[in-house]
Amino acid sequence: MSFGRERLRVTYEALEVRREILGLGRMRRYPAGRIEEMWVATPYPTAKEVEQGLLRLNGAGEVVAFGAGLTPQEAGEILQAIVSRFPNYRRALEA
């Protein structure tokens, strides 16, 4: 994202990504049971990957990028925080 902000909300039931500009935006919801994989895109990201987001998830066959502007280390720390707080996501990380 070139400007605006991205919010990530994680619960036992779902992972929600909201991208907003000036308070307006769109929220996408991915039910926990449908998330098949979660990963950090690459240790050596391109500028485009950083803008799209280095965090990836595969939910019901759709690959989604989020975490815009994060470094690979930050993205990895976020994934670890998600699975330590919400163990039901661990299987997606280990896929």
Protein backbone atom coordinates (compact mmCIF):
# COMPACT_ATOMS: atom_id res chain seq x y z
CA MET A 1 0.00 0.00 0.00
CA SER A 2 1.47 3.32 -1.00
CA PHE A 3 -0.64 5.21 1.51
CA GLY A 4 -3.41 4.50 3.96
CA ARG A 5 -3.23 1.75 6.52
CA GLU A 6 -3.86 -1.91 6.90
CA ARG A 7 -5.33 -3.53 9.99
CA LEU A 8 -5.13 -7.17 10.90
CA ARG A 9 -7.56 -8.71 13.38
CA VAL A 10 -7.12 -12.31 14.43
CA THR A 11 -9.62 -14.35 16.46
CA TYR A 12 -10.09 -18.07 16.96
CA GLU A 13 -12.79 -17.95 14.28
CA ALA A 14 -11.18 -15.85 11.54
CA LEU A 15 -8.40 -13.63 10.28
CA GLU A 16 -9.60 -10.24 9.01
CA VAL A 17 -7.62 -7.81 6.86
CA ARG A 18 -8.89 -4.27 6.48
CA ARG A 19 -7.26 -1.78 4.13
CA GLU A 20 -8.37 1.80 4.56
CA ILE A 21 -7.67 5.29 3.32
CA LEU A 22 -9.05 8.26 5.24
CA GLY A 23 -11.13 5.91 7.37
CA LEU A 24 -12.82 4.26 4.40
CA GLY A 25 -11.93 0.80 3.32
CA ARG A 26 -12.71 -2.77 2.70
CA MET A 27 -12.47 -5.69 5.08
CA ARG A 28 -11.83 -9.25 3.95
CA ARG A 29 -12.58 -12.12 6.32
CA TYR A 30 -10.92 -15.52 6.12
CA PRO A 31 -12.45 -18.21 8.39
CA ALA A 32 -9.78 -20.06 10.38
CA GLY A 33 -10.98 -23.46 9.20
CA ARG A 34 -10.50 -22.49 5.56
CA ILE A 35 -6.94 -21.15 5.89
CA GLU A 36 -4.76 -23.87 4.44
CA GLU A 37 -1.32 -22.18 4.62
CA MET A 38 0.33 -19.05 6.01
CA TRP A 39 3.87 -17.96 5.16
CA VAL A 40 6.30 -15.08 4.65
CA ALA A 41 6.66 -14.46 0.91
CA THR A 42 10.44 -14.36 0.60
CA PRO A 43 13.56 -13.45 2.58
CA TYR A 44 14.63 -11.07 -0.22
CA PRO A 45 11.50 -9.17 -1.23
CA THR A 46 11.10 -6.93 -4.24
CA ALA A 47 9.66 -3.43 -3.78
CA LYS A 48 6.35 -4.65 -5.22
CA GLU A 49 6.18 -7.54 -2.71
CA VAL A 50 6.81 -5.15 0.19
CA GLU A 51 4.03 -2.86 -1.07
CA GLN A 52 1.56 -5.76 -1.48
CA GLY A 53 2.57 -7.34 1.81
CA LEU A 54 4.99 -10.09 2.72
CA LEU A 55 2.50 -12.15 4.69
CA ARG A 56 0.61 -14.66 2.60
CA LEU A 57 -2.25 -16.99 3.27
CA ASN A 58 -3.99 -19.57 1.17
CA GLY A 59 -7.65 -19.57 2.07
CA ALA A 60 -9.96 -21.81 0.08
CA GLY A 61 -7.66 -21.72 -2.93
CA GLU A 62 -7.18 -17.93 -2.93
CA VAL A 63 -3.69 -16.61 -2.15
CA VAL A 64 -3.89 -13.33 -0.27
CA ALA A 65 -1.05 -10.86 0.43
CA PHE A 66 -1.15 -8.60 3.47
CA GLY A 67 1.24 -6.92 5.87
CA ALA A 68 2.20 -4.06 3.55
CA GLY A 69 5.49 -2.37 4.42
CA LEU A 70 6.75 -5.05 6.82
CA THR A 71 10.27 -6.39 6.72
CA PRO A 72 10.68 -10.17 6.38
CA GLN A 73 11.68 -10.34 10.05
CA GLU A 74 8.60 -8.38 11.17
CA ALA A 75 6.35 -10.56 9.01
CA GLY A 76 7.83 -13.70 10.56
CA GLU A 77 7.37 -12.31 14.07
CA ILE A 78 3.71 -11.57 13.34
CA LEU A 79 3.10 -15.12 12.11
CA GLN A 80 4.77 -16.51 15.23
CA ALA A 81 2.65 -14.24 17.44
CA ILE A 82 -0.52 -15.41 15.69
CA VAL A 83 0.20 -19.11 16.21
CA SER A 84 1.41 -18.66 19.79
CA ARG A 85 -1.81 -16.83 20.76
CA PHE A 86 -4.14 -18.83 18.49
CA PRO A 87 -2.82 -22.41 18.24
CA ASN A 88 -5.57 -23.40 15.79
CA TYR A 89 -3.60 -21.49 13.10
CA ARG A 90 -0.44 -23.56 13.69
CA ARG A 91 -1.42 -26.25 11.17
CA ALA A 92 -1.59 -23.57 8.45
CA LEU A 93 1.91 -22.40 9.31
CA GLU A 94 3.27 -25.94 9.21
CA ALA A 95 1.62 -26.82 5.87
